[in-house]
Amino acid sequence: MKRPERKPLDRGKLTTERENPRSREIDRASASDIVRIINAEDALVAPAVARERVRIAKAVDVIADRLRGGGRLFYVGAGTSGRLGVLDASECPPTFGTRPSQVQGVIAGGRRALVRAVEGAEDHAEDGARALAKKRISARDVVVGIAACGLTPYVHGALDQARAVGATTIFVTCSPQAVGHIRADIIINPVVGPEVVTGSTRMKAGTATKLVLNTLTTGAMIRMGKTYGNLMVDLRATNEKLRDRSERIVCQETGVNRRRARALLDQADGLVKVALVMALRGVNAAAARSLLEEAGGMVRKAIGAGVKAPKAGGANRQR
């Protein structure tokens, strides 16, 4: 797919490429001062992300809506940006019980680029377009382009392909100068300033990107009922730690002991949501599944507003 010509930007003028005056003499600093300088710069990241909260919230709602409708979420990036997208996508199934295909990361250079730099992979827009075409994206999907500098051809090519099929597009960049060159439905632009090591966007820009991606998927999953209060009730108990967490959640929210929690989870095929509804509504697994389906997967709706969980020690807590 041939992309329309854009007037080129001078990369040297991008915030992500500028020299940071506060770290100009860092090679002369002691280890203690190096840590102090880096830490002071890192402290600028969270406020920069907070300034984008309106656009992030809009993106959260769009993603939740598309996923509810059977769509998928794709992250597309190169280098650090691509790895962060793949990381966030890979953590959704164990945390929220999503299918691996529901949230996917696409990185320039493919799987090899996850562990080592693949030089030049990000420079070809047609490769980004081709990568998404292979995913058979449609208007039901959401594509999030990630590029600290905002100019990565691979990412722009992928977003061009997404727009061509009517998919919703979101772009995350830390470069305000690039915003006018980005065509996306929502642009999230946390401006963290120049890096401690000039151009090393794995640092503040990478941290800001991680915070944004955390919020996009976590926010969308909460909106979809993947939590009950702040508990991850759609987790997949694939190891001892998560099995323990599942049991503790059931105990905490229903007041039953560990043995009973384990029995409920066994009857619920390990699904915490089902076990909770079984205990709190006094129904079997099949009925609990039906109640959850009617409630759109929302535990709070499935158990009913009037139901209080009996807490160990006689205390009741309404979540």
Protein backbone atom coordinates (compact mmCIF):
# COMPACT_ATOMS: atom_id res chain seq x y z
CA MET A 1 0.00 0.00 0.00
CA LYS A 2 1.48 3.33 -1.04
CA ARG A 3 1.19 6.00 1.63
CA PRO A 4 0.59 9.68 0.85
CA GLU A 5 3.74 11.79 0.98
CA ARG A 6 4.28 13.72 4.20
CA LYS A 7 6.59 16.67 4.59
CA PRO A 8 9.60 15.17 6.41
CA LEU A 9 10.36 16.21 9.95
CA ASP A 10 13.87 17.06 11.12
CA ARG A 11 14.42 14.26 13.64
CA GLY A 12 16.93 16.40 15.47
CA LYS A 13 14.09 18.69 16.52
CA LEU A 14 12.05 15.93 18.12
CA THR A 15 11.79 16.07 21.90
CA THR A 16 12.84 12.42 22.06
CA GLU A 17 16.10 13.25 20.22
CA ARG A 18 17.07 16.44 22.02
CA GLU A 19 19.93 16.66 24.47
CA ASN A 20 18.89 16.92 28.12
CA PRO A 21 20.71 19.84 29.77
CA ARG A 22 20.25 18.29 33.21
CA SER A 23 22.33 15.24 32.29
CA ARG A 24 24.94 16.90 30.07
CA GLU A 25 27.75 16.25 32.57
CA ILE A 26 26.51 12.86 33.71
CA ASP A 27 29.70 11.12 32.58
CA ARG A 28 31.53 13.05 35.30
CA ALA A 29 29.03 12.14 38.00
CA SER A 30 29.43 9.61 40.81
CA ALA A 31 27.21 6.55 40.88
CA SER A 32 25.10 8.25 43.54
CA ASP A 33 24.59 11.34 41.38
CA ILE A 34 23.85 9.26 38.28
CA VAL A 35 21.07 7.51 40.20
CA ARG A 36 19.77 10.86 41.50
CA ILE A 37 19.66 12.37 38.00
CA ILE A 38 17.91 9.38 36.46
CA ASN A 39 15.43 9.18 39.32
CA ALA A 40 14.62 12.89 39.04
CA GLU A 41 13.93 12.49 35.31
CA ASP A 42 11.79 9.39 35.93
CA ALA A 43 9.67 11.44 38.33
CA LEU A 44 8.49 13.49 35.32
CA VAL A 45 6.87 10.48 33.67
CA ALA A 46 3.71 9.88 35.71
CA PRO A 47 2.58 13.54 35.54
CA ALA A 48 3.11 13.50 31.76
CA VAL A 49 0.87 10.44 31.46
CA ALA A 50 -1.70 12.02 33.78
CA ARG A 51 -2.02 14.98 31.41
CA GLU A 52 -3.24 12.54 28.75
CA ARG A 53 -5.90 10.91 30.93
CA VAL A 54 -8.87 12.20 28.92
CA ARG A 55 -7.56 10.66 25.70
CA ILE A 56 -6.50 7.50 27.51
CA ALA A 57 -10.00 7.13 28.99
CA LYS A 58 -11.54 7.59 25.55
CA ALA A 59 -9.26 4.87 24.21
CA VAL A 60 -10.18 2.56 27.11
CA ASP A 61 -13.88 2.84 26.26
CA VAL A 62 -13.25 2.27 22.55
CA ILE A 63 -11.13 -0.82 23.22
CA ALA A 64 -13.68 -2.27 25.65
CA ASP A 65 -16.49 -1.68 23.16
CA ARG A 66 -14.62 -3.38 20.31
CA LEU A 67 -13.58 -6.35 22.43
CA ARG A 68 -17.15 -6.82 23.66
CA GLY A 69 -18.26 -6.92 20.05
CA GLY A 70 -15.85 -9.72 19.19
CA GLY A 71 -13.06 -7.49 17.90
CA ARG A 72 -9.38 -7.71 18.73
CA LEU A 73 -6.72 -5.33 19.99
CA PHE A 74 -3.40 -5.11 18.17
CA TYR A 75 -0.29 -3.28 19.37
CA VAL A 76 2.20 -2.43 16.63
CA GLY A 77 5.69 -1.09 17.21
CA ALA A 78 9.42 -1.47 16.62
CA GLY A 79 12.27 -1.91 19.08
CA THR A 80 11.37 -0.97 22.65
CA SER A 81 7.88 0.14 21.61
CA GLY A 82 7.21 -3.16 19.89
CA ARG A 83 8.51 -5.19 22.82
CA LEU A 84 6.32 -3.27 25.25
CA GLY A 85 3.28 -4.00 23.08
CA VAL A 86 4.09 -7.71 22.93
CA LEU A 87 4.68 -7.76 26.69
CA ASP A 88 1.34 -6.13 27.50
CA ALA A 89 -0.51 -8.43 25.10
CA SER A 90 1.15 -11.56 26.49
CA GLU A 91 0.11 -10.71 30.04
CA CYS A 92 -3.62 -10.39 29.27
CA PRO A 93 -4.51 -14.12 29.09
CA PRO A 94 -3.17 -15.11 32.54
CA THR A 95 -4.39 -11.91 34.19
CA PHE A 96 -7.80 -11.49 32.57
CA GLY A 97 -8.57 -14.84 31.00
CA THR A 98 -8.56 -13.49 27.45
CA ARG A 99 -7.90 -15.67 24.43
CA PRO A 100 -4.35 -15.26 23.08
CA SER A 101 -5.82 -13.97 19.82
CA GLN A 102 -7.86 -11.26 21.53
CA VAL A 103 -4.91 -8.98 22.36
CA GLN A 104 -1.84 -9.32 20.15
CA GLY A 105 1.51 -7.60 19.79
CA VAL A 106 3.09 -7.09 16.37
CA ILE A 107 6.77 -6.10 16.29
CA ALA A 108 8.92 -5.05 13.34
CA GLY A 109 11.35 -7.86 12.61
CA GLY A 110 9.09 -10.54 14.07
CA ARG A 111 9.78 -12.81 17.04
CA ARG A 112 13.57 -12.48 16.65
CA ALA A 113 13.25 -8.77 17.41
CA LEU A 114 11.97 -9.56 20.91
CA VAL A 115 15.43 -10.53 22.13
CA ARG A 116 17.78 -8.64 19.83
CA ALA A 117 17.78 -5.59 17.59
CA VAL A 118 16.79 -6.25 13.99
CA GLU A 119 18.37 -3.34 12.17
CA GLY A 120 16.28 -1.65 9.53
CA ALA A 121 13.08 -3.61 10.29
CA GLU A 122 11.26 -0.44 11.29
CA ASP A 123 12.06 1.47 8.10
CA HIS A 124 9.55 -0.17 5.76
CA ALA A 125 5.94 0.96 5.88
CA GLU A 126 4.89 -1.82 3.53
CA ASP A 127 6.09 -4.43 6.04
CA GLY A 128 3.84 -2.96 8.72
CA ALA A 129 0.88 -2.98 6.35
CA ARG A 130 1.64 -6.56 5.32
CA ALA A 131 1.92 -7.73 8.94
CA LEU A 132 -1.56 -6.47 9.73
CA ALA A 133 -3.04 -7.74 6.49
CA LYS A 134 -1.87 -11.22 7.52
CA LYS A 135 -3.87 -10.81 10.73
CA ARG A 136 -7.03 -10.28 8.65
CA ILE A 137 -7.97 -7.19 10.61
CA SER A 138 -11.45 -5.76 10.16
CA ALA A 139 -13.59 -2.82 11.19
CA ARG A 140 -14.30 -4.59 14.49
CA ASP A 141 -10.64 -4.38 15.57
CA VAL A 142 -8.52 -1.71 17.28
CA VAL A 143 -4.93 -1.05 16.26
CA VAL A 144 -2.62 0.84 18.63
CA GLY A 145 0.52 2.17 16.97
CA ILE A 146 3.43 2.78 19.34
CA ALA A 147 6.41 4.94 18.40
CA ALA A 148 8.27 7.15 20.86
CA CYS A 149 9.43 9.44 18.03
CA GLY A 150 6.07 9.22 16.26
CA LEU A 151 7.65 8.69 12.84
CA THR A 152 8.40 4.96 12.56
CA PRO A 153 7.45 3.93 8.99
CA TYR A 154 6.56 0.36 9.98
CA VAL A 155 3.99 1.66 12.48
CA HIS A 156 2.52 4.21 10.07
CA GLY A 157 2.20 1.53 7.40
CA ALA A 158 0.31 -0.68 9.83
CA LEU A 159 -2.06 2.13 10.76
CA ASP A 160 -2.66 2.94 7.10
CA GLN A 161 -3.70 -0.68 6.61
CA ALA A 162 -5.95 -0.50 9.67
CA ARG A 163 -7.70 2.62 8.42
CA ALA A 164 -8.17 1.07 5.00
CA VAL A 165 -10.38 -1.65 6.49
CA GLY A 166 -12.19 0.67 8.91
CA ALA A 167 -10.47 -0.43 12.12
CA THR A 168 -10.22 2.05 14.99
CA THR A 169 -6.72 3.51 15.27
CA ILE A 170 -4.87 4.80 18.33
CA PHE A 171 -1.31 6.15 18.42
CA VAL A 172 0.99 6.46 21.42
CA THR A 173 3.98 8.79 21.02
CA CYS A 174 6.16 10.91 23.30
CA SER A 175 7.04 13.40 20.56
CA PRO A 176 4.72 16.43 20.33
CA GLN A 177 6.36 17.53 17.08
CA ALA A 178 5.14 14.37 15.34
CA VAL A 179 1.45 14.69 16.28
CA GLY A 180 0.60 16.65 13.15
CA HIS A 181 2.09 13.85 11.04
CA ILE A 182 -0.03 11.13 12.65
CA ARG A 183 -3.36 9.99 11.25
CA ALA A 184 -5.23 8.16 14.01
CA ASP A 185 -8.61 8.37 15.71
CA ILE A 186 -6.99 8.97 19.11
CA ILE A 187 -3.47 10.26 19.71
CA ILE A 188 -2.00 9.81 23.20
CA ASN A 189 1.02 12.05 23.65
CA PRO A 190 2.72 12.00 27.06
CA VAL A 191 5.57 14.50 26.75
CA VAL A 192 8.34 13.38 29.09
CA GLY A 193 11.11 15.59 27.73
CA PRO A 194 14.58 14.63 26.49
CA GLU A 195 16.15 11.43 27.75
CA VAL A 196 19.00 11.22 30.25
CA VAL A 197 21.04 9.52 27.52
CA THR A 198 20.15 11.41 24.36
CA GLY A 199 17.75 9.46 22.17
CA SER A 200 17.56 6.44 24.49
CA THR A 201 13.78 6.15 24.42
CA ARG A 202 13.86 2.86 26.33
CA MET A 203 14.12 5.16 29.37
CA LYS A 204 11.46 7.83 30.10
CA ALA A 205 9.54 7.33 26.86
CA GLY A 206 9.53 3.57 27.41
CA THR A 207 8.30 4.00 30.97
CA ALA A 208 5.54 6.36 29.85
CA THR A 209 4.51 3.93 27.13
CA LYS A 210 4.37 1.05 29.63
CA LEU A 211 2.12 3.12 31.91
CA VAL A 212 -0.21 3.97 29.03
CA LEU A 213 -0.46 0.38 27.79
CA ASN A 214 -1.04 -0.89 31.34
CA THR A 215 -3.95 1.51 31.63
CA LEU A 216 -5.44 0.75 28.22
CA THR A 217 -5.76 -2.99 28.76
CA THR A 218 -6.45 -2.89 32.49
CA GLY A 219 -9.08 -0.17 32.06
CA ALA A 220 -10.75 -1.98 29.17
CA MET A 221 -10.78 -5.29 31.04
CA ILE A 222 -12.32 -3.67 34.13
CA ARG A 223 -15.03 -2.12 31.92
CA MET A 224 -15.70 -5.60 30.52
CA GLY A 225 -16.20 -7.13 33.97
CA LYS A 226 -12.86 -8.89 34.22
CA THR A 227 -12.53 -7.75 37.83
CA TYR A 228 -14.84 -7.75 40.84
CA GLY A 229 -13.86 -4.66 42.75
CA ASN A 230 -10.11 -4.75 42.35
CA LEU A 231 -9.83 -8.55 42.27
CA MET A 232 -8.80 -10.38 39.08
CA VAL A 233 -11.69 -12.82 38.94
CA ASP A 234 -11.09 -13.91 35.34
CA LEU A 235 -7.52 -15.06 35.93
CA ARG A 236 -6.32 -18.39 34.60
CA ALA A 237 -4.87 -20.43 37.48
CA THR A 238 -1.99 -21.93 35.54
CA ASN A 239 0.47 -22.17 38.43
CA GLU A 240 0.55 -22.61 42.19
CA LYS A 241 0.64 -18.87 42.88
CA LEU A 242 -2.50 -18.25 40.81
CA ARG A 243 -4.30 -21.27 42.26
CA ASP A 244 -3.58 -19.90 45.71
CA ARG A 245 -4.84 -16.46 44.65
CA SER A 246 -8.04 -17.97 43.25
CA GLU A 247 -8.74 -19.75 46.51
CA ARG A 248 -8.00 -16.66 48.58
CA ILE A 249 -10.38 -14.56 46.47
CA VAL A 250 -13.21 -17.05 46.96
CA CYS A 251 -12.53 -17.23 50.70
CA GLN A 252 -12.34 -13.46 51.04
CA GLU A 253 -15.51 -12.71 49.12
CA THR A 254 -17.74 -15.50 50.40
CA GLY A 255 -16.47 -16.29 53.90
CA VAL A 256 -15.92 -19.98 53.17
CA ASN A 257 -12.82 -21.84 54.29
CA ARG A 258 -10.03 -23.03 52.00
CA ARG A 259 -11.43 -26.53 51.67
CA ARG A 260 -14.82 -25.25 50.55
CA ALA A 261 -13.22 -22.69 48.23
CA ARG A 262 -11.22 -25.47 46.59
CA ALA A 263 -14.36 -27.56 46.15
CA LEU A 264 -16.26 -24.65 44.60
CA LEU A 265 -13.42 -23.97 42.18
CA ASP A 266 -13.26 -27.64 41.22
CA GLN A 267 -16.98 -27.60 40.42
CA ALA A 268 -16.50 -24.34 38.50
CA ASP A 269 -13.64 -25.77 36.41
CA GLY A 270 -11.28 -23.36 38.13
CA LEU A 271 -13.26 -20.25 37.14
CA VAL A 272 -13.28 -17.78 40.03
CA LYS A 273 -16.30 -15.87 38.71
CA VAL A 274 -18.40 -19.01 38.57
CA ALA A 275 -17.29 -20.11 42.03
CA LEU A 276 -18.20 -16.71 43.49
CA VAL A 277 -21.68 -16.69 41.98
CA MET A 278 -22.26 -20.29 43.09
CA ALA A 279 -21.44 -19.39 46.69
CA LEU A 280 -23.14 -15.99 46.83
CA ARG A 281 -26.32 -17.02 45.02
CA GLY A 282 -26.49 -20.56 46.32
CA VAL A 283 -26.67 -22.14 42.88
CA ASN A 284 -24.83 -24.84 40.98
CA ALA A 285 -22.14 -24.23 38.36
CA ALA A 286 -24.52 -24.35 35.38
CA ALA A 287 -26.87 -21.81 36.95
CA ALA A 288 -23.94 -19.59 37.91
CA ARG A 289 -22.68 -19.61 34.33
CA SER A 290 -26.16 -18.67 33.12
CA LEU A 291 -26.40 -15.78 35.58
CA LEU A 292 -23.01 -14.50 34.48
CA GLU A 293 -23.97 -14.73 30.83
CA GLU A 294 -27.15 -12.74 31.47
CA ALA A 295 -25.06 -10.17 33.37
CA GLY A 296 -22.56 -9.75 30.55
CA GLY A 297 -19.83 -11.35 32.64
CA MET A 298 -20.23 -8.83 35.48
CA VAL A 299 -20.02 -10.57 38.86
CA ARG A 300 -21.65 -7.65 40.65
CA LYS A 301 -24.72 -7.86 38.41
CA ALA A 302 -24.82 -11.64 38.52
CA ILE A 303 -24.93 -11.82 42.31
CA GLY A 304 -27.48 -9.02 42.56
CA ALA A 305 -27.22 -5.69 44.32
CA GLY A 306 -28.88 -7.01 47.47
CA VAL A 307 -26.51 -9.90 48.06
CA LYS A 308 -23.93 -9.45 50.78
CA ALA A 309 -20.97 -11.75 51.06
CA PRO A 310 -20.73 -13.39 54.53
CA LYS A 311 -17.24 -12.61 55.77
CA ALA A 312 -15.12 -14.77 58.02
CA GLY A 313 -15.50 -13.59 61.60
CA GLY A 314 -19.03 -12.35 60.99
CA ALA A 315 -18.13 -9.18 59.08
CA ASN A 316 -19.93 -8.30 55.87
CA ARG A 317 -18.36 -6.17 53.19
CA GLN A 318 -20.27 -4.79 50.20
CA ARG A 319 -17.93 -4.36 47.23
